[in-house]
Every structure is written in C-alpha cells, then in structure tokens.
C-alpha atoms as a PDB file:
ATOM      1  CA  MET A   1     -81.836 -92.767 -49.232  1.00  0.00           C
ATOM      2  CA  HIS A   2     -80.745 -91.579 -45.984  1.00  0.00           C
ATOM      3  CA  ALA A   3     -83.245 -89.938 -43.478  1.00  0.00           C
ATOM      4  CA  ILE A   4     -82.488 -86.593 -42.897  1.00  0.00           C
ATOM      5  CA  ALA A   5     -82.907 -85.830 -38.811  1.00  0.00           C
ATOM      6  CA  ARG A   6     -85.497 -83.176 -38.554  1.00  0.00           C
ATOM      7  CA  THR A   7     -88.169 -82.043 -35.994  1.00  0.00           C
ATOM      8  CA  PRO A   8     -90.373 -84.335 -34.220  1.00  0.00           C
ATOM      9  CA  THR A   9     -93.679 -84.776 -35.941  1.00  0.00           C
ATOM     10  CA  THR A  10     -95.845 -83.791 -33.103  1.00  0.00           C
ATOM     11  CA  ASP A  11     -93.860 -80.226 -33.867  1.00  0.00           C
ATOM     12  CA  MET A  12     -94.774 -80.032 -37.590  1.00  0.00           C
ATOM     13  CA  GLU A  13     -97.539 -78.541 -38.993  1.00  0.00           C
ATOM     14  CA  VAL A  14    -100.337 -80.433 -40.780  1.00  0.00           C
ATOM     15  CA  THR A  15    -100.358 -79.889 -44.525  1.00  0.00           C
ATOM     16  CA  SER A  16    -102.845 -81.604 -46.799  1.00  0.00           C
ATOM     17  CA  ILE A  17    -101.488 -82.573 -50.532  1.00  0.00           C
ATOM     18  CA  ARG A  18    -103.273 -84.303 -53.048  1.00  0.00           C
ATOM     19  CA  LEU A  19    -101.503 -87.165 -54.995  1.00  0.00           C
ATOM     20  CA  GLU A  20    -102.541 -89.338 -57.737  1.00  0.00           C
ATOM     21  CA  ARG A  21    -103.036 -93.059 -56.258  1.00  0.00           C
ATOM     22  CA  GLU A  22    -100.553 -94.338 -58.345  1.00  0.00           C
ATOM     23  CA  LEU A  23     -97.802 -91.632 -57.126  1.00  0.00           C
ATOM     24  CA  LYS A  24     -98.942 -92.350 -53.722  1.00  0.00           C
ATOM     25  CA  ASP A  25     -98.662 -96.140 -53.968  1.00  0.00           C
ATOM     26  CA  LYS A  26     -95.247 -95.795 -55.799  1.00  0.00           C
ATOM     27  CA  LEU A  27     -93.764 -93.346 -52.853  1.00  0.00           C
ATOM     28  CA  LYS A  28     -95.167 -96.303 -50.214  1.00  0.00           C
ATOM     29  CA  GLN A  29     -93.456 -98.651 -52.120  1.00  0.00           C
ATOM     30  CA  LEU A  30     -89.839 -96.878 -52.005  1.00  0.00           C
ATOM     31  CA  ALA A  31     -90.251 -95.812 -48.412  1.00  0.00           C
ATOM     32  CA  GLY A  32     -90.519 -99.222 -47.128  1.00  0.00           C
ATOM     33  CA  ASN A  33     -90.419 -99.306 -43.714  1.00  0.00           C
ATOM     34  CA  GLN A  34     -89.670 -94.939 -43.337  1.00  0.00           C
ATOM     35  CA  GLY A  35     -93.101 -94.219 -44.304  1.00  0.00           C
ATOM     36  CA  TYR A  36     -94.101 -92.477 -47.687  1.00  0.00           C
ATOM     37  CA  GLN A  37     -94.647 -89.093 -45.685  1.00  0.00           C
ATOM     38  CA  ALA A  38     -90.915 -89.073 -44.152  1.00  0.00           C
ATOM     39  CA  LEU A  39     -89.751 -89.753 -47.757  1.00  0.00           C
ATOM     40  CA  ILE A  40     -91.834 -87.136 -49.175  1.00  0.00           C
ATOM     41  CA  ARG A  41     -90.296 -84.578 -46.476  1.00  0.00           C
ATOM     42  CA  ASP A  42     -86.814 -86.059 -47.371  1.00  0.00           C
ATOM     43  CA  ILE A  43     -87.431 -85.298 -51.076  1.00  0.00           C
ATOM     44  CA  LEU A  44     -88.631 -81.886 -50.138  1.00  0.00           C
ATOM     45  CA  TRP A  45     -85.679 -80.941 -48.006  1.00  0.00           C
ATOM     46  CA  ASN A  46     -83.111 -82.036 -51.012  1.00  0.00           C
ATOM     47  CA  TYR A  47     -85.122 -80.022 -53.398  1.00  0.00           C
ATOM     48  CA  VAL A  48     -84.864 -76.955 -51.113  1.00  0.00           C
ATOM     49  CA  GLN A  49     -81.230 -77.430 -50.009  1.00  0.00           C
ATOM     50  CA  GLN A  50     -80.178 -77.856 -53.737  1.00  0.00           C
ATOM     51  CA  LYS A  51     -82.293 -74.745 -54.853  1.00  0.00           C
ATOM     52  CA  SER A  52     -81.052 -72.503 -51.642  1.00  0.00           C
ATOM     53  CA  GLY A  53     -77.631 -73.577 -51.846  1.00  0.00           C
ATOM     54  CA  GLU A  54     -77.612 -75.241 -48.414  1.00  0.00           C
ATOM     55  CA  TRP A  55     -76.357 -78.226 -49.870  1.00  0.00           C
ATOM     56  CA  LYS A  56     -74.915 -81.229 -47.575  1.00  0.00           C
ATOM     57  CA  PRO A  57     -73.358 -84.249 -48.951  1.00  0.00           C
ATOM     58  CA  ARG A  58     -75.455 -87.444 -48.876  1.00  0.00           C
ATOM     59  CA  PHE A  59     -72.898 -89.882 -50.082  1.00  0.00           C
ATOM     60  CA  SER A  60     -69.328 -90.897 -49.663  1.00  0.00           C
ATOM     61  CA  LYS A  61     -66.801 -92.234 -51.925  1.00  0.00           C
ATOM     62  CA  ALA A  62     -67.615 -95.854 -50.092  1.00  0.00           C
ATOM     63  CA  ASP A  63     -71.380 -95.608 -51.247  1.00  0.00           C
ATOM     64  CA  ILE A  64     -70.396 -95.535 -54.961  1.00  0.00           C
ATOM     65  CA  ARG A  65     -69.963 -99.113 -56.486  1.00  0.00           C
ATOM     66  CA  ALA A  66     -68.947 -98.129 -60.051  1.00  0.00           C
ATOM     67  CA  SER A  67     -68.884 -94.905 -62.294  1.00  0.00           C
ATOM     68  CA  ILE A  68     -69.114 -94.132 -66.001  1.00  0.00           C
ATOM     69  CA  SER A  69     -67.890 -90.995 -67.689  1.00  0.00           C
ATOM     70  CA  ALA A  70     -70.654 -88.623 -68.986  1.00  0.00           C
ATOM     71  CA  THR A  71     -71.255 -85.204 -69.827  1.00  0.00           C
ATOM     72  CA  ALA A  72     -73.905 -82.771 -68.471  1.00  0.00           C
ATOM     73  CA  HIS A  73     -76.664 -81.863 -70.256  1.00  0.00           C
ATOM     74  CA  GLN A  74     -77.865 -79.301 -67.423  1.00  0.00           C
ATOM     75  CA  GLU A  75     -76.803 -78.165 -64.257  1.00  0.00           C
ATOM     76  CA  GLU A  76     -75.988 -80.872 -61.777  1.00  0.00           C
ATOM     77  CA  ARG A  77     -74.541 -81.016 -58.430  1.00  0.00           C
ATOM     78  CA  CYS A  78     -71.936 -83.656 -57.263  1.00  0.00           C
ATOM     79  CA  VAL A  79     -73.289 -85.842 -54.320  1.00  0.00           C
ATOM     80  CA  ILE A  80     -69.975 -85.919 -52.704  1.00  0.00           C
ATOM     81  CA  THR A  81     -68.372 -82.748 -52.936  1.00  0.00           C
ATOM     82  CA  GLY A  82     -71.258 -80.485 -53.806  1.00  0.00           C
ATOM     83  CA  ARG A  83     -69.399 -78.725 -56.523  1.00  0.00           C
ATOM     84  CA  LEU A  84     -71.693 -77.407 -59.282  1.00  0.00           C
ATOM     85  CA  ILE A  85     -71.152 -79.210 -62.753  1.00  0.00           C
ATOM     86  CA  LEU A  86     -72.258 -77.127 -65.487  1.00  0.00           C
ATOM     87  CA  PRO A  87     -73.802 -78.019 -68.496  1.00  0.00           C
ATOM     88  CA  GLN A  88     -71.594 -79.572 -71.183  1.00  0.00           C
ATOM     89  CA  GLN A  89     -69.070 -80.253 -68.713  1.00  0.00           C
ATOM     90  CA  PRO A  90     -67.504 -83.680 -68.282  1.00  0.00           C
ATOM     91  CA  MET A  91     -68.701 -85.506 -65.199  1.00  0.00           C
ATOM     92  CA  LEU A  92     -69.278 -89.005 -64.112  1.00  0.00           C
ATOM     93  CA  LEU A  93     -72.391 -91.172 -63.205  1.00  0.00           C
ATOM     94  CA  GLY A  94     -71.855 -92.988 -59.979  1.00  0.00           C
ATOM     95  CA  LEU A  95     -73.718 -96.341 -59.311  1.00  0.00           C
ATOM     96  CA  THR A  96     -74.679 -96.248 -55.569  1.00  0.00           C
ATOM     97  CA  LYS A  97     -74.835 -99.429 -53.133  1.00  0.00           C
ATOM     98  CA  THR A  98     -78.791 -99.046 -53.377  1.00  0.00           C
ATOM     99  CA  GLY A  99     -78.813 -99.039 -57.588  1.00  0.00           C
ATOM    100  CA  ASP A 100     -79.206 -95.369 -57.963  1.00  0.00           C
ATOM    101  CA  MET A 101     -77.203 -93.323 -60.586  1.00  0.00           C
ATOM    102  CA  VAL A 102     -76.244 -90.154 -59.149  1.00  0.00           C
ATOM    103  CA  PRO A 103     -74.135 -87.162 -60.560  1.00  0.00           C
ATOM    104  CA  LEU A 104     -70.385 -86.774 -59.670  1.00  0.00           C
ATOM    105  CA  SER A 105     -67.662 -84.273 -60.396  1.00  0.00           C
ATOM    106  CA  ILE A 106     -64.689 -85.788 -61.990  1.00  0.00           C
ATOM    107  CA  GLU A 107     -62.485 -85.134 -59.364  1.00  0.00           C
ATOM    108  CA  SER A 108     -64.986 -86.455 -56.311  1.00  0.00           C
ATOM    109  CA  LEU A 109     -63.457 -90.099 -56.645  1.00  0.00           C
ATOM    110  CA  ALA A 110     -59.786 -89.279 -56.906  1.00  0.00           C
ATOM    111  CA  GLY A 111     -57.291 -90.229 -54.174  1.00  0.00           C
END
C-alpha cells in the first residue's frame, strides 16, 4: 500500500478508537515499518475518497502482475482509471506486485 502524503502528526487531532486486540495485532503486522496508525489513516482516507468521488489512482499498469476475467457482483472502482464498474459488468481482477487482488475495468490494461 502506498502512503498518502498528509498533514504532519503534530497538526492532527488526537482521537481515541477502541479496537479488538486481534485486529490491532493484524494491523501492526500489515503496517510493518509504516506503523499501524498511519495504515489506519490510509485505509480511512481511501474509504472517504471512494465514497466521496474524490478518487485518485493508486496503481499503474506496471503494478499489475497478472489479471483474470471476472464479473462484478457489487459496485467497484478500477484502481487504475477510476472508472466505475457496475454490478453484472465484466471486469478484471488484477494481481499486484504485493499479492493483492484489485478491481480493474476491462480497458484499463489495453495499449
């Protein structure tokens, strides 16, 4: 996951959130050197951008190792083009360099 440039932590508001110990441990494992709080901020910013329409590309064609054909079962957004993929539309699932499967529009890998 690519870190999003944000406000310095000294300029952020302190917020308390209760997490299950297992969830916190898994977030720490996933975050590695990034730190789990920065990972949580990235996850929340990604969610806000997707839901608000302020989506910004997080991947390029070079990040995709392989792809397979699929059909959307719910609304998705292509991680390369930002194009909305509606339920029942054909799409691709892309395997990233980090081993994640991400939604891709059919035309996103063309050319």
